[in-house]
Amino acid sequence: MEKIIKDLYIELKKEKTNLITKVNLDSNIEKSDLEREFEDSLLALKGLPIQANKLLQPEKVFVPNYNKKAIISRIPKGKILQILPSTTPILSCILLPLCAAIIGNEVIVKPSSKSKSIALFLEKFFKKENVKDIKFEIGSGKDFLLKILKEDYNFVFFMGSEENGKEINEYCNKREIEYFGEYGGNDWAIIIDGDLKRISDKIAENVKFKEGRDCDSIKGVLINSEVYEQFVDLLKINLKDIKINENPVDKEITNPEFCSSLWIKKFSSEEEILSLYKKNKHGLSSAIFCKDTKKALELAKKINTARVIINSDTLDINPLIPWGGIKSTSHGGVDYWINKFSNKKLIEIS
């Protein structure tokens, strides 16, 4: 598998421009955003064999109370179905099947329609390399998905909306198939002060790219009352075709729509911010924009999210670094996915 990954890395680099053009037509996602995602995918691909080898090494442990030695190893789950999201059409389509296959699983991949071109490229590449453990089911619609689900699986992994995920979970439960779903999140940005034009551009970039359908989509913006009017004017220019809710009620803040929309709210104190965060059932990431880095850092320590970005790109997630949400939020990263697509096996020696 290591040679396959190395060859794929070379082929992807060669076909980068062509693939980005095709995925742009499939997805209508900006080429600059796809370029960033493509580079993240290459970075993760390059590091995948090293990380996998490290994770899959058997771990020797000693159980002193029982005077036993034990070996903990990771074994494949078997036949896996991956139902992948539309928000990361390149990265998820390249990385997740390989994270499962490198352990020894048989992987059936149902990519989103936005991943069609990258899926066709991978399908052709794996066929040429005689890789039989990764197969793509390319199609769309509920009937197509139900047809795929009728096969026998040991594990079904889903990324997407909570509504669709719950339906698939119910189907798997009836057939006694292990299921795991990664649903949407509810990430917020906090604007204290700074270059408001630049900040507005960053928030708009996330909202347009993620379309409110990914775990790290920014769904709400808390804005310092001192800069509120100026920032909202800039945001409305950037997001002229997207719904902005200026008077959100608690339900809209804690359970936002799974679509391209954004709520905004004025704050006057840190206590108001922390009070709202207590109501958020998700906890993946937050963005804080503030001239005073020390002040931002102190606030970051008090916010109950797994990841806080200070004065940086809200789309910056490195797939080589494991990330995990607090509360009801998804996780990710190469280490996490390899662990998720395998089972632990314990062998004790008396």
Protein backbone atom coordinates (compact mmCIF):
# COMPACT_ATOMS: atom_id res chain seq x y z
CA MET A 1 0.00 0.00 0.00
CA GLU A 2 2.92 2.35 0.67
CA LYS A 3 4.00 2.19 -3.00
CA ILE A 4 0.40 2.76 -4.14
CA ILE A 5 0.17 5.89 -1.98
CA LYS A 6 3.51 7.16 -3.29
CA ASP A 7 2.42 6.60 -6.92
CA LEU A 8 -0.93 8.27 -6.25
CA TYR A 9 0.84 11.30 -4.80
CA ILE A 10 2.90 11.63 -8.02
CA GLU A 11 -0.17 11.22 -10.28
CA LEU A 12 -2.21 13.74 -8.30
CA LYS A 13 0.57 16.32 -8.50
CA LYS A 14 0.74 15.75 -12.25
CA GLU A 15 -3.02 16.10 -12.74
CA LYS A 16 -3.59 18.87 -10.18
CA THR A 17 -4.66 21.67 -12.53
CA ASN A 18 -6.90 19.42 -14.60
CA LEU A 19 -8.59 17.88 -11.55
CA ILE A 20 -9.21 21.23 -9.85
CA THR A 21 -10.84 22.51 -13.04
CA LYS A 22 -13.12 19.47 -13.20
CA VAL A 23 -14.06 19.53 -9.51
CA ASN A 24 -14.77 23.26 -9.86
CA LEU A 25 -17.32 22.44 -12.58
CA ASP A 26 -18.81 19.60 -10.50
CA SER A 27 -19.06 21.57 -7.27
CA ASN A 28 -19.11 25.28 -8.13
CA ILE A 29 -16.54 25.73 -5.34
CA GLU A 30 -13.97 28.47 -6.00
CA LYS A 31 -10.74 27.22 -7.57
CA SER A 32 -8.67 28.97 -4.89
CA ASP A 33 -10.52 27.00 -2.17
CA LEU A 34 -10.07 23.74 -4.09
CA GLU A 35 -6.38 24.54 -4.54
CA ARG A 36 -6.00 24.80 -0.75
CA GLU A 37 -7.89 21.55 -0.19
CA PHE A 38 -5.81 19.79 -2.86
CA GLU A 39 -2.56 20.85 -1.18
CA ASP A 40 -3.90 19.68 2.22
CA SER A 41 -4.71 16.32 0.61
CA LEU A 42 -1.21 15.96 -0.81
CA LEU A 43 0.31 16.87 2.55
CA ALA A 44 -1.78 14.24 4.34
CA LEU A 45 -1.10 11.65 1.64
CA LYS A 46 2.64 12.12 1.99
CA GLY A 47 2.50 11.56 5.75
CA LEU A 48 -0.09 8.77 5.74
CA PRO A 49 2.26 5.72 5.49
CA ILE A 50 4.46 6.96 8.36
CA GLN A 51 1.49 7.69 10.62
CA ALA A 52 -0.21 4.41 9.73
CA ASN A 53 2.92 2.34 10.41
CA LYS A 54 3.31 4.01 13.79
CA LEU A 55 -0.34 3.49 14.76
CA LEU A 56 -0.53 -0.10 13.57
CA GLN A 57 2.51 -1.32 15.50
CA PRO A 58 1.41 -3.84 18.17
CA GLU A 59 1.68 -2.39 21.68
CA LYS A 60 3.18 -4.60 24.39
CA VAL A 61 1.80 -4.06 27.88
CA PHE A 62 2.29 -5.72 31.27
CA VAL A 63 -0.61 -6.30 33.68
CA PRO A 64 1.14 -6.37 37.12
CA ASN A 65 -1.82 -7.45 39.29
CA TYR A 66 -2.31 -10.57 37.19
CA ASN A 67 1.36 -11.11 36.30
CA LYS A 68 0.44 -11.23 32.63
CA LYS A 69 1.84 -9.82 29.45
CA ALA A 70 -0.48 -8.54 26.77
CA ILE A 71 -0.32 -7.37 23.17
CA ILE A 72 -2.74 -4.79 21.83
CA SER A 73 -3.03 -4.60 18.05
CA ARG A 74 -5.36 -3.04 15.51
CA ILE A 75 -7.28 -5.24 13.10
CA PRO A 76 -9.57 -4.35 10.16
CA LYS A 77 -13.32 -4.06 10.68
CA GLY A 78 -14.02 -5.92 7.42
CA LYS A 79 -16.25 -4.51 4.70
CA ILE A 80 -16.79 -0.77 5.15
CA LEU A 81 -19.18 1.63 3.41
CA GLN A 82 -18.08 5.28 3.46
CA ILE A 83 -20.74 7.88 2.60
CA LEU A 84 -18.74 11.04 2.07
CA PRO A 85 -19.66 14.75 2.30
CA SER A 86 -19.93 17.42 -0.39
CA THR A 87 -18.04 20.07 1.58
CA THR A 88 -14.57 18.55 1.16
CA PRO A 89 -14.91 16.89 -2.26
CA ILE A 90 -11.18 16.30 -2.76
CA LEU A 91 -9.74 15.60 0.69
CA SER A 92 -12.43 13.20 1.92
CA CYS A 93 -12.48 11.26 -1.36
CA ILE A 94 -8.71 10.75 -1.38
CA LEU A 95 -7.89 10.34 2.29
CA LEU A 96 -10.71 8.43 3.98
CA PRO A 97 -10.72 5.37 1.66
CA LEU A 98 -6.94 5.04 2.03
CA CYS A 99 -7.09 5.37 5.84
CA ALA A 100 -9.49 2.40 5.84
CA ALA A 101 -7.72 0.34 3.17
CA ILE A 102 -4.25 0.68 4.70
CA ILE A 103 -5.48 -1.33 7.71
CA GLY A 104 -6.74 -4.15 5.46
CA ASN A 105 -10.44 -3.30 5.10
CA GLU A 106 -12.51 -3.73 1.96
CA VAL A 107 -13.80 -0.22 1.26
CA ILE A 108 -16.88 0.79 -0.72
CA VAL A 109 -16.97 4.56 -1.27
CA LYS A 110 -20.12 6.56 -2.00
CA PRO A 111 -18.74 10.03 -2.89
CA SER A 112 -20.90 13.13 -3.19
CA SER A 113 -21.86 14.42 -6.64
CA LYS A 114 -19.33 17.22 -6.09
CA SER A 115 -16.58 14.58 -5.93
CA LYS A 116 -17.53 12.86 -9.19
CA SER A 117 -14.40 13.83 -11.17
CA ILE A 118 -11.95 13.06 -8.37
CA ALA A 119 -13.75 9.73 -7.75
CA LEU A 120 -13.51 8.77 -11.44
CA PHE A 121 -9.80 9.65 -11.41
CA LEU A 122 -9.19 7.52 -8.30
CA GLU A 123 -11.28 4.65 -9.68
CA LYS A 124 -9.16 4.60 -12.85
CA PHE A 125 -5.91 4.88 -10.89
CA PHE A 126 -6.76 2.03 -8.48
CA LYS A 127 -7.84 -0.18 -11.38
CA LYS A 128 -4.52 0.45 -13.15
CA GLU A 129 -2.63 -0.36 -9.93
CA ASN A 130 -4.75 -3.50 -9.42
CA VAL A 131 -6.07 -2.26 -6.05
CA LYS A 132 -9.13 -4.42 -5.39
CA ASP A 133 -9.95 -3.27 -1.85
CA ILE A 134 -11.25 0.20 -2.79
CA LYS A 135 -14.34 0.52 -5.00
CA PHE A 136 -16.40 3.60 -5.85
CA GLU A 137 -20.19 3.72 -6.21
CA ILE A 138 -20.79 6.89 -8.21
CA GLY A 139 -24.37 8.11 -8.36
CA SER A 140 -26.89 10.32 -6.58
CA GLY A 141 -30.33 10.25 -5.05
CA LYS A 142 -31.97 8.37 -2.20
CA ASP A 143 -32.82 5.30 -4.30
CA PHE A 144 -29.19 4.93 -5.37
CA LEU A 145 -28.03 5.14 -1.75
CA LEU A 146 -30.60 2.58 -0.58
CA LYS A 147 -29.46 0.20 -3.32
CA ILE A 148 -25.86 0.42 -2.06
CA LEU A 149 -26.96 -0.02 1.57
CA LYS A 150 -28.59 -3.37 0.73
CA GLU A 151 -25.16 -5.01 0.49
CA ASP A 152 -23.64 -6.68 3.54
CA TYR A 153 -21.29 -4.43 5.56
CA ASN A 154 -19.48 -4.70 8.85
CA PHE A 155 -19.35 -0.93 9.32
CA VAL A 156 -21.04 2.11 7.78
CA PHE A 157 -19.39 5.52 8.15
CA PHE A 158 -21.41 8.63 7.27
CA MET A 159 -20.51 12.31 7.01
CA GLY A 160 -23.26 14.84 6.30
CA SER A 161 -26.52 16.19 7.68
CA GLU A 162 -27.92 14.94 10.97
CA GLU A 163 -31.30 14.32 9.31
CA ASN A 164 -29.87 11.97 6.65
CA GLY A 165 -27.49 10.40 9.15
CA LYS A 166 -30.29 9.43 11.52
CA GLU A 167 -32.16 7.69 8.69
CA ILE A 168 -29.08 5.66 7.75
CA ASN A 169 -28.42 4.90 11.43
CA GLU A 170 -31.95 3.52 11.80
CA TYR A 171 -31.48 1.37 8.69
CA CYS A 172 -28.17 -0.01 10.03
CA ASN A 173 -29.65 -0.71 13.46
CA LYS A 174 -32.38 -2.84 11.90
CA ARG A 175 -29.74 -4.89 10.07
CA GLU A 176 -27.37 -4.95 13.07
CA ILE A 177 -24.60 -3.15 11.19
CA GLU A 178 -22.13 -1.04 13.17
CA TYR A 179 -22.69 2.62 12.29
CA PHE A 180 -20.93 5.88 13.00
CA GLY A 181 -22.10 9.31 11.86
CA GLU A 182 -20.24 12.62 11.68
CA TYR A 183 -22.84 15.39 11.52
CA GLY A 184 -22.79 19.14 11.16
CA GLY A 185 -21.36 21.50 13.74
CA ASN A 186 -22.06 24.98 15.04
CA ASP A 187 -18.85 27.02 14.92
CA TRP A 188 -18.84 30.72 15.83
CA ALA A 189 -16.56 33.66 15.20
CA ILE A 190 -16.00 36.41 17.78
CA ILE A 191 -15.13 39.86 16.46
CA ILE A 192 -13.58 42.15 19.10
CA ASP A 193 -11.62 44.53 16.86
CA GLY A 194 -9.01 44.56 14.07
CA ASP A 195 -8.96 44.97 10.30
CA LEU A 196 -12.72 44.64 9.81
CA LYS A 197 -12.53 44.39 6.01
CA ARG A 198 -10.07 41.48 6.18
CA ILE A 199 -12.09 39.77 8.92
CA SER A 200 -15.30 40.16 6.92
CA ASP A 201 -13.59 38.59 3.90
CA LYS A 202 -12.47 35.62 6.01
CA ILE A 203 -15.92 35.01 7.49
CA ALA A 204 -17.55 35.29 4.05
CA GLU A 205 -14.99 32.86 2.58
CA ASN A 206 -15.97 30.21 5.12
CA VAL A 207 -19.72 30.73 4.70
CA LYS A 208 -19.55 30.57 0.90
CA PHE A 209 -17.16 27.61 0.75
CA LYS A 210 -18.72 25.45 3.45
CA GLU A 211 -22.35 26.40 2.61
CA GLY A 212 -23.23 25.77 6.27
CA ARG A 213 -22.95 22.01 5.65
CA ASP A 214 -19.68 21.05 7.30
CA CYS A 215 -18.64 20.48 10.91
CA ASP A 216 -16.41 23.58 10.80
CA SER A 217 -18.90 25.85 9.03
CA ILE A 218 -19.23 29.23 10.73
CA LYS A 219 -22.91 29.51 11.64
CA GLY A 220 -22.81 32.60 13.83
CA VAL A 221 -20.80 35.75 14.51
CA LEU A 222 -20.63 37.53 17.86
CA ILE A 223 -19.67 41.17 17.25
CA ASN A 224 -18.38 43.76 19.71
CA SER A 225 -21.04 46.50 20.02
CA GLU A 226 -18.37 49.16 19.36
CA VAL A 227 -17.72 47.87 15.81
CA TYR A 228 -21.08 46.19 15.15
CA GLU A 229 -22.59 48.61 12.60
CA GLN A 230 -19.39 48.96 10.57
CA PHE A 231 -18.72 45.22 10.49
CA VAL A 232 -22.30 44.29 9.55
CA ASP A 233 -22.20 46.69 6.60
CA LEU A 234 -19.02 45.01 5.31
CA LEU A 235 -20.46 41.53 5.88
CA LYS A 236 -23.63 42.32 3.95
CA ILE A 237 -21.58 43.41 0.95
CA ASN A 238 -19.61 40.14 1.06
CA LEU A 239 -22.68 37.97 1.61
CA LYS A 240 -25.27 39.77 -0.49
CA ASP A 241 -26.84 36.50 -1.73
CA ILE A 242 -26.87 34.74 1.65
CA LYS A 243 -29.44 35.04 4.40
CA ILE A 244 -28.15 36.96 7.45
CA ASN A 245 -30.27 36.75 10.59
CA GLU A 246 -29.72 39.92 12.64
CA ASN A 247 -32.17 39.04 15.40
CA PRO A 248 -31.64 35.37 16.23
CA VAL A 249 -33.59 33.70 19.02
CA ASP A 250 -31.91 31.07 21.21
CA LYS A 251 -33.16 28.15 19.08
CA GLU A 252 -31.63 29.66 15.91
CA ILE A 253 -28.31 30.19 17.72
CA THR A 254 -28.08 26.72 19.27
CA ASN A 255 -29.63 24.81 16.35
CA PRO A 256 -28.90 26.74 13.11
CA GLU A 257 -30.08 25.71 9.65
CA PHE A 258 -28.02 23.20 7.67
CA CYS A 259 -27.58 25.56 4.73
CA SER A 260 -25.85 28.78 3.62
CA SER A 261 -27.09 31.12 6.33
CA LEU A 262 -25.54 33.11 9.13
CA TRP A 263 -26.77 34.69 12.34
CA ILE A 264 -25.07 37.72 13.89
CA LYS A 265 -25.39 39.10 17.40
CA LYS A 266 -24.03 42.10 19.28
CA PHE A 267 -22.17 41.66 22.58
CA SER A 268 -20.92 44.14 25.18
CA SER A 269 -19.13 41.86 27.64
CA GLU A 270 -17.17 38.62 27.90
CA GLU A 271 -19.88 37.23 30.17
CA GLU A 272 -22.42 37.46 27.33
CA ILE A 273 -20.12 35.44 25.05
CA LEU A 274 -19.49 32.70 27.62
CA SER A 275 -23.18 32.50 28.50
CA LEU A 276 -24.06 31.80 24.86
CA TYR A 277 -21.32 29.17 24.53
CA LYS A 278 -22.85 27.22 27.39
CA LYS A 279 -25.97 26.76 25.24
CA ASN A 280 -24.06 25.43 22.21
CA LYS A 281 -24.37 21.62 22.04
CA HIS A 282 -21.40 21.48 19.63
CA GLY A 283 -17.79 22.28 20.36
CA LEU A 284 -15.42 21.83 17.43
CA SER A 285 -13.85 25.25 16.85
CA SER A 286 -14.13 29.00 17.30
CA ALA A 287 -12.40 31.96 15.70
CA ILE A 288 -11.42 35.06 17.67
CA PHE A 289 -10.34 38.26 15.94
CA CYS A 290 -8.66 40.80 18.21
CA LYS A 291 -5.72 43.23 18.00
CA ASP A 292 -4.64 42.28 21.51
CA THR A 293 -3.40 38.68 21.20
CA LYS A 294 -3.07 38.27 24.97
CA LYS A 295 -6.70 39.28 25.45
CA ALA A 296 -7.76 36.83 22.72
CA LEU A 297 -5.71 34.07 24.31
CA GLU A 298 -7.34 34.59 27.71
CA LEU A 299 -10.79 34.37 26.10
CA ALA A 300 -9.76 31.29 24.10
CA LYS A 301 -8.89 29.47 27.35
CA LYS A 302 -12.42 30.06 28.66
CA ILE A 303 -14.33 28.95 25.54
CA ASN A 304 -15.46 25.32 25.62
CA THR A 305 -14.39 24.26 22.12
CA ALA A 306 -11.69 21.79 21.08
CA ARG A 307 -9.99 24.28 18.77
CA VAL A 308 -9.66 28.07 18.80
CA ILE A 309 -8.15 30.06 15.94
CA ILE A 310 -6.85 33.52 16.81
CA ASN A 311 -6.56 36.08 14.01
CA SER A 312 -6.14 33.32 11.45
CA ASP A 313 -7.82 31.61 8.55
CA THR A 314 -11.05 29.95 9.67
CA LEU A 315 -10.67 27.28 6.97
CA ASP A 316 -7.24 26.17 8.16
CA ILE A 317 -7.54 22.53 9.27
CA ASN A 318 -4.46 20.37 8.78
CA PRO A 319 -5.50 16.72 8.22
CA LEU A 320 -2.19 15.52 9.71
CA ILE A 321 -3.15 17.01 13.08
CA PRO A 322 -5.97 15.14 14.88
CA TRP A 323 -8.86 17.40 15.80
CA GLY A 324 -11.83 16.54 17.93
CA GLY A 325 -14.98 18.24 18.99
CA ILE A 326 -16.21 18.70 22.53
CA LYS A 327 -19.83 17.71 23.15
CA SER A 328 -21.76 16.70 19.98
CA THR A 329 -19.16 17.58 17.38
CA SER A 330 -17.25 15.40 14.94
CA HIS A 331 -13.57 14.49 14.94
CA GLY A 332 -11.00 14.09 12.20
CA GLY A 333 -7.41 13.73 11.12
CA VAL A 334 -5.41 10.76 9.84
CA ASP A 335 -4.81 9.25 13.31
CA TYR A 336 -8.49 9.47 14.20
CA TRP A 337 -9.71 7.93 10.93
CA ILE A 338 -7.27 5.01 11.10
CA ASN A 339 -8.47 4.30 14.65
CA LYS A 340 -12.11 4.65 13.60
CA PHE A 341 -11.77 2.16 10.73
CA SER A 342 -10.11 -0.52 12.87
CA ASN A 343 -10.84 -2.58 15.97
CA LYS A 344 -8.53 -3.13 18.94
CA LYS A 345 -7.56 -6.70 19.69
CA LEU A 346 -6.08 -7.77 23.03
CA ILE A 347 -4.02 -10.96 23.39
CA GLU A 348 -3.04 -11.92 26.95
CA ILE A 349 -0.14 -14.25 27.75
CA SER A 350 0.00 -15.96 31.17
